[in-house]
C-alpha atoms as a PDB file:
ATOM      1  CA  UNK A   1      86.211  15.054 -22.943  1.00  0.00           C
ATOM      2  CA  UNK A   2      87.548  16.457 -26.078  1.00  0.00           C
ATOM      3  CA  UNK A   3      88.726  14.453 -29.320  1.00  0.00           C
ATOM      4  CA  UNK A   4      92.420  14.556 -28.387  1.00  0.00           C
ATOM      5  CA  UNK A   5      92.063  13.268 -24.695  1.00  0.00           C
ATOM      6  CA  UNK A   6      89.672  10.433 -26.009  1.00  0.00           C
ATOM      7  CA  UNK A   7      92.228   9.397 -28.568  1.00  0.00           C
ATOM      8  CA  UNK A   8      94.749   9.264 -26.244  1.00  0.00           C
ATOM      9  CA  UNK A   9      93.044   7.355 -23.694  1.00  0.00           C
ATOM     10  CA  UNK A  10      92.352   4.929 -26.446  1.00  0.00           C
ATOM     11  CA  UNK A  11      95.866   4.540 -27.305  1.00  0.00           C
ATOM     12  CA  UNK A  12      96.785   3.958 -23.799  1.00  0.00           C
ATOM     13  CA  UNK A  13      94.490   1.068 -23.633  1.00  0.00           C
ATOM     14  CA  UNK A  14      96.372  -0.609 -26.356  1.00  0.00           C
ATOM     15  CA  UNK A  15      99.828  -2.588 -26.123  1.00  0.00           C
ATOM     16  CA  UNK A  16     102.918  -0.579 -27.146  1.00  0.00           C
ATOM     17  CA  UNK A  17     103.066  -2.502 -30.404  1.00  0.00           C
ATOM     18  CA  UNK A  18      99.323  -1.680 -31.165  1.00  0.00           C
ATOM     19  CA  UNK A  19      99.959   1.965 -30.378  1.00  0.00           C
ATOM     20  CA  UNK A  20     102.865   2.250 -32.963  1.00  0.00           C
ATOM     21  CA  UNK A  21     100.577   0.419 -35.510  1.00  0.00           C
ATOM     22  CA  UNK A  22      97.767   2.784 -34.832  1.00  0.00           C
ATOM     23  CA  UNK A  23      99.726   6.048 -35.363  1.00  0.00           C
ATOM     24  CA  UNK A  24      98.257   7.154 -38.745  1.00  0.00           C
ATOM     25  CA  UNK A  25      96.285  10.664 -39.456  1.00  0.00           C
ATOM     26  CA  UNK A  26      92.780   9.711 -38.554  1.00  0.00           C
ATOM     27  CA  UNK A  27      91.435  12.351 -41.212  1.00  0.00           C
ATOM     28  CA  UNK A  28      93.264  10.549 -44.065  1.00  0.00           C
ATOM     29  CA  UNK A  29      93.957   7.030 -42.796  1.00  0.00           C
ATOM     30  CA  UNK A  30      92.539   5.607 -45.859  1.00  0.00           C
ATOM     31  CA  UNK A  31      94.898   7.585 -48.322  1.00  0.00           C
ATOM     32  CA  UNK A  32      97.833   6.907 -46.035  1.00  0.00           C
ATOM     33  CA  UNK A  33      97.374   3.305 -45.751  1.00  0.00           C
ATOM     34  CA  UNK A  34      96.221   2.495 -49.601  1.00  0.00           C
ATOM     35  CA  UNK A  35      98.271   5.079 -51.442  1.00  0.00           C
ATOM     36  CA  UNK A  36     100.624   2.382 -52.867  1.00  0.00           C
ATOM     37  CA  UNK A  37      97.427  -0.094 -53.489  1.00  0.00           C
ATOM     38  CA  UNK A  38      95.039   2.226 -55.368  1.00  0.00           C
ATOM     39  CA  UNK A  39      93.395  -0.624 -57.047  1.00  0.00           C
ATOM     40  CA  UNK A  40      92.065  -2.039 -53.723  1.00  0.00           C
ATOM     41  CA  UNK A  41      88.257  -2.572 -53.967  1.00  0.00           C
ATOM     42  CA  UNK A  42      85.853  -0.746 -51.422  1.00  0.00           C
ATOM     43  CA  UNK A  43      84.215  -4.003 -50.705  1.00  0.00           C
ATOM     44  CA  UNK A  44      87.649  -5.462 -49.516  1.00  0.00           C
ATOM     45  CA  UNK A  45      88.156  -2.652 -47.098  1.00  0.00           C
ATOM     46  CA  UNK A  46      87.287  -2.728 -43.332  1.00  0.00           C
ATOM     47  CA  UNK A  47      85.476   0.776 -42.706  1.00  0.00           C
ATOM     48  CA  UNK A  48      84.426   2.074 -39.081  1.00  0.00           C
ATOM     49  CA  UNK A  49      80.982   3.396 -38.949  1.00  0.00           C
ATOM     50  CA  UNK A  50      78.475   5.095 -36.594  1.00  0.00           C
ATOM     51  CA  UNK A  51      74.882   4.091 -35.872  1.00  0.00           C
ATOM     52  CA  UNK A  52      72.414   6.764 -36.024  1.00  0.00           C
ATOM     53  CA  UNK A  53      75.026   9.304 -36.756  1.00  0.00           C
ATOM     54  CA  UNK A  54      72.927  12.224 -36.725  1.00  0.00           C
ATOM     55  CA  UNK A  55      71.603  11.919 -33.179  1.00  0.00           C
ATOM     56  CA  UNK A  56      74.341  13.869 -31.650  1.00  0.00           C
ATOM     57  CA  UNK A  57      72.202  17.197 -31.014  1.00  0.00           C
ATOM     58  CA  UNK A  58      69.363  15.351 -29.324  1.00  0.00           C
ATOM     59  CA  UNK A  59      68.354  16.834 -25.763  1.00  0.00           C
ATOM     60  CA  UNK A  60      65.908  16.384 -23.348  1.00  0.00           C
ATOM     61  CA  UNK A  61      64.084  19.195 -24.745  1.00  0.00           C
ATOM     62  CA  UNK A  62      64.001  17.860 -28.355  1.00  0.00           C
ATOM     63  CA  UNK A  63      60.376  17.474 -30.001  1.00  0.00           C
ATOM     64  CA  UNK A  64      59.487  14.137 -30.976  1.00  0.00           C
ATOM     65  CA  UNK A  65      60.366  13.216 -34.740  1.00  0.00           C
ATOM     66  CA  UNK A  66      57.482  12.551 -37.167  1.00  0.00           C
ATOM     67  CA  UNK A  67      56.069   9.154 -36.625  1.00  0.00           C
ATOM     68  CA  UNK A  68      57.729   8.759 -33.308  1.00  0.00           C
ATOM     69  CA  UNK A  69      55.508   7.221 -30.355  1.00  0.00           C
ATOM     70  CA  UNK A  70      53.010   9.693 -28.829  1.00  0.00           C
ATOM     71  CA  UNK A  71      54.550   8.840 -25.442  1.00  0.00           C
ATOM     72  CA  UNK A  72      57.777  10.568 -26.416  1.00  0.00           C
ATOM     73  CA  UNK A  73      55.817  13.974 -25.838  1.00  0.00           C
ATOM     74  CA  UNK A  74      55.480  13.128 -22.266  1.00  0.00           C
ATOM     75  CA  UNK A  75      58.896  11.305 -21.421  1.00  0.00           C
ATOM     76  CA  UNK A  76      61.251  13.520 -23.656  1.00  0.00           C
ATOM     77  CA  UNK A  77      63.946  13.369 -20.954  1.00  0.00           C
ATOM     78  CA  UNK A  78      63.757   9.551 -20.908  1.00  0.00           C
ATOM     79  CA  UNK A  79      63.522   9.163 -24.477  1.00  0.00           C
ATOM     80  CA  UNK A  80      66.631  11.435 -24.965  1.00  0.00           C
ATOM     81  CA  UNK A  81      68.674   9.005 -23.201  1.00  0.00           C
ATOM     82  CA  UNK A  82      68.030   6.151 -25.410  1.00  0.00           C
ATOM     83  CA  UNK A  83      67.659   7.981 -28.822  1.00  0.00           C
ATOM     84  CA  UNK A  84      71.212   9.918 -28.728  1.00  0.00           C
ATOM     85  CA  UNK A  85      73.698   7.489 -29.828  1.00  0.00           C
ATOM     86  CA  UNK A  86      76.537   9.710 -30.801  1.00  0.00           C
ATOM     87  CA  UNK A  87      78.151  13.024 -29.071  1.00  0.00           C
ATOM     88  CA  UNK A  88      79.960  14.218 -31.987  1.00  0.00           C
ATOM     89  CA  UNK A  89      78.740  16.181 -35.190  1.00  0.00           C
ATOM     90  CA  UNK A  90      79.038  14.486 -38.491  1.00  0.00           C
ATOM     91  CA  UNK A  91      82.248  16.458 -39.465  1.00  0.00           C
ATOM     92  CA  UNK A  92      83.745  15.532 -36.068  1.00  0.00           C
ATOM     93  CA  UNK A  93      83.091  11.794 -36.711  1.00  0.00           C
ATOM     94  CA  UNK A  94      84.815  12.079 -40.095  1.00  0.00           C
ATOM     95  CA  UNK A  95      87.811  13.579 -38.878  1.00  0.00           C
ATOM     96  CA  UNK A  96      87.880  10.971 -36.098  1.00  0.00           C
ATOM     97  CA  UNK A  97      88.460   8.312 -38.904  1.00  0.00           C
ATOM     98  CA  UNK A  98      84.636   7.310 -39.297  1.00  0.00           C
ATOM     99  CA  UNK A  99      83.783   6.497 -42.878  1.00  0.00           C
ATOM    100  CA  UNK A 100      80.154   5.323 -42.791  1.00  0.00           C
ATOM    101  CA  UNK A 101      77.455   7.503 -41.721  1.00  0.00           C
ATOM    102  CA  UNK A 102      73.882   6.179 -40.887  1.00  0.00           C
ATOM    103  CA  UNK A 103      71.554   9.032 -41.469  1.00  0.00           C
ATOM    104  CA  UNK A 104      67.875   9.251 -40.552  1.00  0.00           C
ATOM    105  CA  UNK A 105      66.113  12.191 -42.355  1.00  0.00           C
ATOM    106  CA  UNK A 106      62.750  13.742 -41.767  1.00  0.00           C
ATOM    107  CA  UNK A 107      60.553  16.598 -42.824  1.00  0.00           C
ATOM    108  CA  UNK A 108      59.881  18.605 -39.757  1.00  0.00           C
ATOM    109  CA  UNK A 109      58.028  21.951 -39.397  1.00  0.00           C
ATOM    110  CA  UNK A 110      59.023  22.747 -43.006  1.00  0.00           C
ATOM    111  CA  UNK A 111      62.678  21.721 -42.635  1.00  0.00           C
ATOM    112  CA  UNK A 112      64.796  18.600 -43.345  1.00  0.00           C
ATOM    113  CA  UNK A 113      66.238  17.299 -40.037  1.00  0.00           C
ATOM    114  CA  UNK A 114      68.272  14.411 -38.738  1.00  0.00           C
ATOM    115  CA  UNK A 115      66.116  12.450 -36.248  1.00  0.00           C
ATOM    116  CA  UNK A 116      66.390   9.468 -34.022  1.00  0.00           C
ATOM    117  CA  UNK A 117      62.762   8.997 -32.193  1.00  0.00           C
ATOM    118  CA  UNK A 118      63.467  12.676 -31.283  1.00  0.00           C
ATOM    119  CA  UNK A 119      64.637  15.634 -33.671  1.00  0.00           C
ATOM    120  CA  UNK A 120      68.228  16.352 -33.747  1.00  0.00           C
ATOM    121  CA  UNK A 121      69.342  19.109 -35.831  1.00  0.00           C
ATOM    122  CA  UNK A 122      68.973  20.586 -39.488  1.00  0.00           C
ATOM    123  CA  UNK A 123      70.263  18.613 -42.388  1.00  0.00           C
ATOM    124  CA  UNK A 124      71.873  21.370 -44.168  1.00  0.00           C
ATOM    125  CA  UNK A 125      74.158  22.423 -41.090  1.00  0.00           C
ATOM    126  CA  UNK A 126      74.969  18.774 -40.627  1.00  0.00           C
ATOM    127  CA  UNK A 127      75.760  18.280 -44.303  1.00  0.00           C
ATOM    128  CA  UNK A 128      77.712  21.332 -44.471  1.00  0.00           C
ATOM    129  CA  UNK A 129      80.457  19.824 -42.305  1.00  0.00           C
ATOM    130  CA  UNK A 130      80.436  16.792 -44.459  1.00  0.00           C
ATOM    131  CA  UNK A 131      81.169  18.950 -47.342  1.00  0.00           C
ATOM    132  CA  UNK A 132      83.901  20.516 -45.703  1.00  0.00           C
ATOM    133  CA  UNK A 133      85.612  17.218 -44.774  1.00  0.00           C
ATOM    134  CA  UNK A 134      85.196  15.979 -48.423  1.00  0.00           C
ATOM    135  CA  UNK A 135      86.862  19.189 -49.868  1.00  0.00           C
ATOM    136  CA  UNK A 136      89.888  18.806 -47.660  1.00  0.00           C
ATOM    137  CA  UNK A 137      90.082  14.900 -48.159  1.00  0.00           C
ATOM    138  CA  UNK A 138      88.791  13.903 -51.286  1.00  0.00           C
ATOM    139  CA  UNK A 139      90.515  10.692 -51.182  1.00  0.00           C
ATOM    140  CA  UNK A 140      88.587   9.506 -48.147  1.00  0.00           C
ATOM    141  CA  UNK A 141      85.738   7.362 -48.996  1.00  0.00           C
ATOM    142  CA  UNK A 142      82.656   7.879 -47.127  1.00  0.00           C
ATOM    143  CA  UNK A 143      79.444   5.931 -47.070  1.00  0.00           C
ATOM    144  CA  UNK A 144      76.394   8.331 -46.699  1.00  0.00           C
ATOM    145  CA  UNK A 145      73.566   5.694 -45.757  1.00  0.00           C
ATOM    146  CA  UNK A 146      70.267   7.415 -46.054  1.00  0.00           C
ATOM    147  CA  UNK A 147      68.412   4.698 -44.072  1.00  0.00           C
ATOM    148  CA  UNK A 148      65.419   6.639 -43.282  1.00  0.00           C
ATOM    149  CA  UNK A 149      64.016   9.400 -45.686  1.00  0.00           C
ATOM    150  CA  UNK A 150      61.149  12.168 -45.362  1.00  0.00           C
ATOM    151  CA  UNK A 151      58.057  11.644 -47.553  1.00  0.00           C
ATOM    152  CA  UNK A 152      58.182  11.744 -51.328  1.00  0.00           C
ATOM    153  CA  UNK A 153      56.782  15.198 -51.287  1.00  0.00           C
ATOM    154  CA  UNK A 154      60.113  16.442 -49.742  1.00  0.00           C
ATOM    155  CA  UNK A 155      62.386  14.420 -52.113  1.00  0.00           C
ATOM    156  CA  UNK A 156      62.904  17.623 -54.308  1.00  0.00           C
ATOM    157  CA  UNK A 157      63.995  19.624 -51.179  1.00  0.00           C
ATOM    158  CA  UNK A 158      66.263  16.677 -50.213  1.00  0.00           C
ATOM    159  CA  UNK A 159      67.798  16.377 -53.721  1.00  0.00           C
ATOM    160  CA  UNK A 160      68.344  19.981 -53.825  1.00  0.00           C
ATOM    161  CA  UNK A 161      70.363  20.232 -50.721  1.00  0.00           C
ATOM    162  CA  UNK A 162      72.337  17.353 -51.527  1.00  0.00           C
ATOM    163  CA  UNK A 163      73.467  18.923 -54.602  1.00  0.00           C
ATOM    164  CA  UNK A 164      74.131  22.281 -53.210  1.00  0.00           C
ATOM    165  CA  UNK A 165      76.269  20.851 -50.159  1.00  0.00           C
ATOM    166  CA  UNK A 166      77.743  17.686 -51.708  1.00  0.00           C
ATOM    167  CA  UNK A 167      77.240  17.697 -55.193  1.00  0.00           C
ATOM    168  CA  UNK A 168      80.794  17.991 -56.291  1.00  0.00           C
ATOM    169  CA  UNK A 169      81.972  15.175 -54.073  1.00  0.00           C
ATOM    170  CA  UNK A 170      79.324  12.442 -54.916  1.00  0.00           C
ATOM    171  CA  UNK A 171      80.969   9.608 -56.594  1.00  0.00           C
ATOM    172  CA  UNK A 172      79.269   8.508 -59.989  1.00  0.00           C
ATOM    173  CA  UNK A 173      80.220   4.915 -60.740  1.00  0.00           C
ATOM    174  CA  UNK A 174      78.640   3.023 -63.719  1.00  0.00           C
ATOM    175  CA  UNK A 175      79.911  -0.276 -62.508  1.00  0.00           C
ATOM    176  CA  UNK A 176      78.359  -2.364 -59.451  1.00  0.00           C
ATOM    177  CA  UNK A 177      80.192  -1.877 -56.038  1.00  0.00           C
ATOM    178  CA  UNK A 178      82.161  -5.016 -56.720  1.00  0.00           C
ATOM    179  CA  UNK A 179      84.370  -2.981 -59.135  1.00  0.00           C
ATOM    180  CA  UNK A 180      84.676   0.378 -57.178  1.00  0.00           C
ATOM    181  CA  UNK A 181      88.330   0.774 -56.412  1.00  0.00           C
ATOM    182  CA  UNK A 182      90.084   3.400 -54.459  1.00  0.00           C
ATOM    183  CA  UNK A 183      91.894   4.186 -57.829  1.00  0.00           C
ATOM    184  CA  UNK A 184      88.399   5.114 -59.429  1.00  0.00           C
ATOM    185  CA  UNK A 185      87.300   7.324 -56.674  1.00  0.00           C
ATOM    186  CA  UNK A 186      90.594   9.056 -56.424  1.00  0.00           C
ATOM    187  CA  UNK A 187      90.783   9.799 -60.081  1.00  0.00           C
ATOM    188  CA  UNK A 188      87.439  11.184 -60.173  1.00  0.00           C
ATOM    189  CA  UNK A 189      88.043  13.328 -56.909  1.00  0.00           C
ATOM    190  CA  UNK A 190      84.642  11.935 -55.570  1.00  0.00           C
ATOM    191  CA  UNK A 191      84.650   9.919 -52.673  1.00  0.00           C
ATOM    192  CA  UNK A 192      81.144  10.326 -51.220  1.00  0.00           C
ATOM    193  CA  UNK A 193      78.825   7.544 -51.813  1.00  0.00           C
ATOM    194  CA  UNK A 194      75.312   8.281 -51.350  1.00  0.00           C
ATOM    195  CA  UNK A 195      72.892   5.283 -50.577  1.00  0.00           C
ATOM    196  CA  UNK A 196      69.181   6.140 -50.438  1.00  0.00           C
ATOM    197  CA  UNK A 197      66.359   3.803 -48.791  1.00  0.00           C
ATOM    198  CA  UNK A 198      63.795   4.990 -51.643  1.00  0.00           C
ATOM    199  CA  UNK A 199      64.267   3.432 -54.825  1.00  0.00           C
ATOM    200  CA  UNK A 200      62.566   6.269 -56.680  1.00  0.00           C
ATOM    201  CA  UNK A 201      64.921   8.745 -55.046  1.00  0.00           C
ATOM    202  CA  UNK A 202      67.863   6.681 -55.811  1.00  0.00           C
ATOM    203  CA  UNK A 203      66.834   6.520 -59.539  1.00  0.00           C
ATOM    204  CA  UNK A 204      67.014  10.442 -59.783  1.00  0.00           C
ATOM    205  CA  UNK A 205      70.640  10.949 -60.562  1.00  0.00           C
ATOM    206  CA  UNK A 206      73.812   8.503 -61.273  1.00  0.00           C
ATOM    207  CA  UNK A 207      75.219   9.796 -58.042  1.00  0.00           C
ATOM    208  CA  UNK A 208      72.343   8.055 -55.823  1.00  0.00           C
ATOM    209  CA  UNK A 209      72.541   4.491 -55.161  1.00  0.00           C
ATOM    210  CA  UNK A 210      69.785   2.053 -54.069  1.00  0.00           C
ATOM    211  CA  UNK A 211      70.165   0.750 -50.416  1.00  0.00           C
ATOM    212  CA  UNK A 212      69.709  -2.773 -52.218  1.00  0.00           C
ATOM    213  CA  UNK A 213      73.390  -2.468 -52.687  1.00  0.00           C
ATOM    214  CA  UNK A 214      74.127  -2.578 -48.980  1.00  0.00           C
ATOM    215  CA  UNK A 215      73.424  -5.636 -46.675  1.00  0.00           C
ATOM    216  CA  UNK A 216      72.658  -4.369 -43.184  1.00  0.00           C
ATOM    217  CA  UNK A 217      73.385  -6.851 -40.419  1.00  0.00           C
ATOM    218  CA  UNK A 218      71.079  -6.256 -37.178  1.00  0.00           C
ATOM    219  CA  UNK A 219      70.903  -8.736 -34.496  1.00  0.00           C
ATOM    220  CA  UNK A 220      68.167  -7.044 -32.225  1.00  0.00           C
ATOM    221  CA  UNK A 221      69.829  -8.216 -28.976  1.00  0.00           C
ATOM    222  CA  UNK A 222      70.892  -6.840 -25.511  1.00  0.00           C
ATOM    223  CA  UNK A 223      73.396  -9.792 -24.880  1.00  0.00           C
ATOM    224  CA  UNK A 224      77.089  -9.922 -25.940  1.00  0.00           C
ATOM    225  CA  UNK A 225      76.871 -13.762 -26.879  1.00  0.00           C
ATOM    226  CA  UNK A 226      73.665 -13.338 -28.968  1.00  0.00           C
ATOM    227  CA  UNK A 227      75.278 -10.569 -30.883  1.00  0.00           C
ATOM    228  CA  UNK A 228      78.429 -12.265 -31.615  1.00  0.00           C
ATOM    229  CA  UNK A 229      76.506 -15.439 -32.735  1.00  0.00           C
ATOM    230  CA  UNK A 230      74.243 -13.023 -35.061  1.00  0.00           C
ATOM    231  CA  UNK A 231      77.316 -11.188 -36.520  1.00  0.00           C
ATOM    232  CA  UNK A 232      79.235 -14.239 -37.121  1.00  0.00           C
ATOM    233  CA  UNK A 233      76.578 -16.033 -38.927  1.00  0.00           C
ATOM    234  CA  UNK A 234      75.983 -13.177 -41.377  1.00  0.00           C
ATOM    235  CA  UNK A 235      79.623 -12.540 -41.863  1.00  0.00           C
ATOM    236  CA  UNK A 236      80.098 -16.138 -42.973  1.00  0.00           C
ATOM    237  CA  UNK A 237      77.259 -15.692 -45.332  1.00  0.00           C
ATOM    238  CA  UNK A 238      78.562 -12.441 -46.641  1.00  0.00           C
ATOM    239  CA  UNK A 239      78.720 -11.643 -50.419  1.00  0.00           C
ATOM    240  CA  UNK A 240      82.392 -10.716 -50.923  1.00  0.00           C
ATOM    241  CA  UNK A 241      81.581  -8.705 -53.913  1.00  0.00           C
ATOM    242  CA  UNK A 242      78.844  -6.474 -52.090  1.00  0.00           C
ATOM    243  CA  UNK A 243      79.001  -3.912 -49.369  1.00  0.00           C
ATOM    244  CA  UNK A 244      77.897  -4.939 -45.891  1.00  0.00           C
ATOM    245  CA  UNK A 245      77.309  -2.965 -42.311  1.00  0.00           C
ATOM    246  CA  UNK A 246      77.563  -5.093 -39.299  1.00  0.00           C
ATOM    247  CA  UNK A 247      76.133  -3.105 -36.500  1.00  0.00           C
ATOM    248  CA  UNK A 248      77.791  -3.969 -33.219  1.00  0.00           C
ATOM    249  CA  UNK A 249      75.277  -2.463 -31.149  1.00  0.00           C
ATOM    250  CA  UNK A 250      72.563  -3.200 -28.686  1.00  0.00           C
ATOM    251  CA  UNK A 251      68.864  -2.733 -29.304  1.00  0.00           C
ATOM    252  CA  UNK A 252      66.958  -1.713 -26.452  1.00  0.00           C
ATOM    253  CA  UNK A 253      63.319  -2.808 -26.207  1.00  0.00           C
ATOM    254  CA  UNK A 254      60.382  -0.105 -26.448  1.00  0.00           C
ATOM    255  CA  UNK A 255      59.223  -0.668 -22.899  1.00  0.00           C
ATOM    256  CA  UNK A 256      62.781   0.128 -21.959  1.00  0.00           C
ATOM    257  CA  UNK A 257      62.759   3.211 -23.866  1.00  0.00           C
ATOM    258  CA  UNK A 258      59.719   4.473 -22.642  1.00  0.00           C
ATOM    259  CA  UNK A 259      60.035   3.574 -18.790  1.00  0.00           C
ATOM    260  CA  UNK A 260      63.592   3.930 -18.328  1.00  0.00           C
ATOM    261  CA  UNK A 261      63.181   1.501 -15.521  1.00  0.00           C
ATOM    262  CA  UNK A 262      66.112  -0.632 -16.324  1.00  0.00           C
ATOM    263  CA  UNK A 263      69.987  -0.418 -16.170  1.00  0.00           C
ATOM    264  CA  UNK A 264      69.407   2.365 -13.517  1.00  0.00           C
ATOM    265  CA  UNK A 265      67.824   4.510 -15.988  1.00  0.00           C
ATOM    266  CA  UNK A 266      71.029   5.689 -17.507  1.00  0.00           C
ATOM    267  CA  UNK A 267      70.150   5.025 -21.016  1.00  0.00           C
ATOM    268  CA  UNK A 268      71.806   3.684 -23.999  1.00  0.00           C
ATOM    269  CA  UNK A 269      75.308   4.903 -23.125  1.00  0.00           C
ATOM    270  CA  UNK A 270      75.230   2.629 -20.075  1.00  0.00           C
ATOM    271  CA  UNK A 271      73.947  -0.483 -21.788  1.00  0.00           C
ATOM    272  CA  UNK A 272      76.344  -0.052 -24.648  1.00  0.00           C
ATOM    273  CA  UNK A 273      79.508   0.098 -22.329  1.00  0.00           C
ATOM    274  CA  UNK A 274      80.182  -3.590 -22.536  1.00  0.00           C
ATOM    275  CA  UNK A 275      80.592  -3.171 -26.280  1.00  0.00           C
ATOM    276  CA  UNK A 276      83.015  -0.446 -26.221  1.00  0.00           C
ATOM    277  CA  UNK A 277      86.336  -2.806 -26.261  1.00  0.00           C
ATOM    278  CA  UNK A 278      84.837  -5.435 -28.603  1.00  0.00           C
ATOM    279  CA  UNK A 279      85.729  -4.014 -31.934  1.00  0.00           C
ATOM    280  CA  UNK A 280      89.403  -4.390 -31.062  1.00  0.00           C
ATOM    281  CA  UNK A 281      88.887  -8.095 -29.797  1.00  0.00           C
ATOM    282  CA  UNK A 282      86.331  -9.241 -32.474  1.00  0.00           C
ATOM    283  CA  UNK A 283      87.999  -7.776 -35.882  1.00  0.00           C
ATOM    284  CA  UNK A 284      91.196  -9.766 -35.308  1.00  0.00           C
ATOM    285  CA  UNK A 285      89.304 -12.733 -34.461  1.00  0.00           C
ATOM    286  CA  UNK A 286      87.011 -12.631 -37.552  1.00  0.00           C
ATOM    287  CA  UNK A 287      90.079 -11.933 -39.596  1.00  0.00           C
ATOM    288  CA  UNK A 288      91.915 -15.137 -37.928  1.00  0.00           C
ATOM    289  CA  UNK A 289      88.838 -17.151 -38.929  1.00  0.00           C
ATOM    290  CA  UNK A 290      88.634 -16.010 -42.540  1.00  0.00           C
ATOM    291  CA  UNK A 291      85.614 -13.710 -42.141  1.00  0.00           C
ATOM    292  CA  UNK A 292      85.854 -10.401 -43.899  1.00  0.00           C
ATOM    293  CA  UNK A 293      83.971  -7.432 -42.321  1.00  0.00           C
ATOM    294  CA  UNK A 294      83.321  -4.519 -44.590  1.00  0.00           C
ATOM    295  CA  UNK A 295      81.629  -1.868 -42.261  1.00  0.00           C
ATOM    296  CA  UNK A 296      81.632  -2.178 -38.555  1.00  0.00           C
ATOM    297  CA  UNK A 297      79.202   0.297 -36.928  1.00  0.00           C
ATOM    298  CA  UNK A 298      78.948   1.408 -33.459  1.00  0.00           C
ATOM    299  CA  UNK A 299      77.374   3.661 -30.830  1.00  0.00           C
ATOM    300  CA  UNK A 300      79.273   6.493 -28.999  1.00  0.00           C
ATOM    301  CA  UNK A 301      82.321   5.609 -31.280  1.00  0.00           C
ATOM    302  CA  UNK A 302      84.866   7.930 -29.690  1.00  0.00           C
ATOM    303  CA  UNK A 303      84.643   5.975 -26.465  1.00  0.00           C
ATOM    304  CA  UNK A 304      85.274   2.743 -28.694  1.00  0.00           C
ATOM    305  CA  UNK A 305      88.352   1.492 -30.053  1.00  0.00           C
ATOM    306  CA  UNK A 306      86.533   0.851 -33.325  1.00  0.00           C
ATOM    307  CA  UNK A 307      88.885   3.182 -35.513  1.00  0.00           C
ATOM    308  CA  UNK A 308      92.139   1.701 -34.365  1.00  0.00           C
ATOM    309  CA  UNK A 309      90.831  -1.578 -34.549  1.00  0.00           C
ATOM    310  CA  UNK A 310      89.661  -1.139 -38.305  1.00  0.00           C
ATOM    311  CA  UNK A 311      93.188   0.473 -38.921  1.00  0.00           C
ATOM    312  CA  UNK A 312      94.991  -2.545 -37.560  1.00  0.00           C
ATOM    313  CA  UNK A 313      92.738  -4.932 -39.317  1.00  0.00           C
ATOM    314  CA  UNK A 314      93.362  -3.406 -42.751  1.00  0.00           C
ATOM    315  CA  UNK A 315      97.158  -3.411 -41.950  1.00  0.00           C
ATOM    316  CA  UNK A 316      96.786  -7.103 -41.289  1.00  0.00           C
ATOM    317  CA  UNK A 317      94.722  -7.670 -44.704  1.00  0.00           C
ATOM    318  CA  UNK A 318      96.989  -5.441 -46.894  1.00  0.00           C
ATOM    319  CA  UNK A 319     100.349  -5.921 -45.183  1.00  0.00           C
ATOM    320  CA  UNK A 320     103.055  -4.266 -47.415  1.00  0.00           C
END
């Protein structure tokens, strides 16, 4: 199913009033909503994100990623069903409205690649799409979260690639995130924020930021009530001056991934279906309760209502 069909199906599921509210250009929705409110802080926005954003190219023939369980070599077709969390490229995700990308980078056979249990695709190809989007939409803030990184020996290669593909678009802010405003990003025409899990890599250049700036909210559950309870608790405790990513996702057990014996062996997509319409339910409830989500990250985003829910949530918070 193409992006247009997916969008239409999502809109059909909304009420007529919500359909009208959701009618903005997905590629430039932040600029469109906040052009009259440039002083808005990044920590005050609600942003839609994807979990393991780079897993879209994983197939049953993908080789195991460095450090993956040895069993993946024997059960690749099963592992692929649980390793793949997205269907669209990074560029397609951004053009569909996503503004947070969760990237797991590894060094494999001399190349930098995106991984999630299995090898997905070359990093240079994926980042080229991000660069194209950033060049066309310099006012759309995007968080690039290098949540997993290659060994230190490959850091120079990673640095070189980031500078080559995204160097002109990486934000360089001297102040902490609490002071990052859309106006500052827009005036610099650099709206990509690169967050690195290795502190020594983050210290290389002012356009790299330590992952200590981002509070990641994982619930490690496969039950909707437990997921909601865990997210609620962390949202209540959130530092309003800091970045936070709440993962509205299920976490399968390792045994499930290896055996593929539960949920009909259909994999993560089937397990995640009960979550697809929850952003549209939970985000308004959180706002009504006075809770302020920052990034809401999901699996198989185009099958969810997360982008529409986030747009409506921002309109609620920043009503003109």
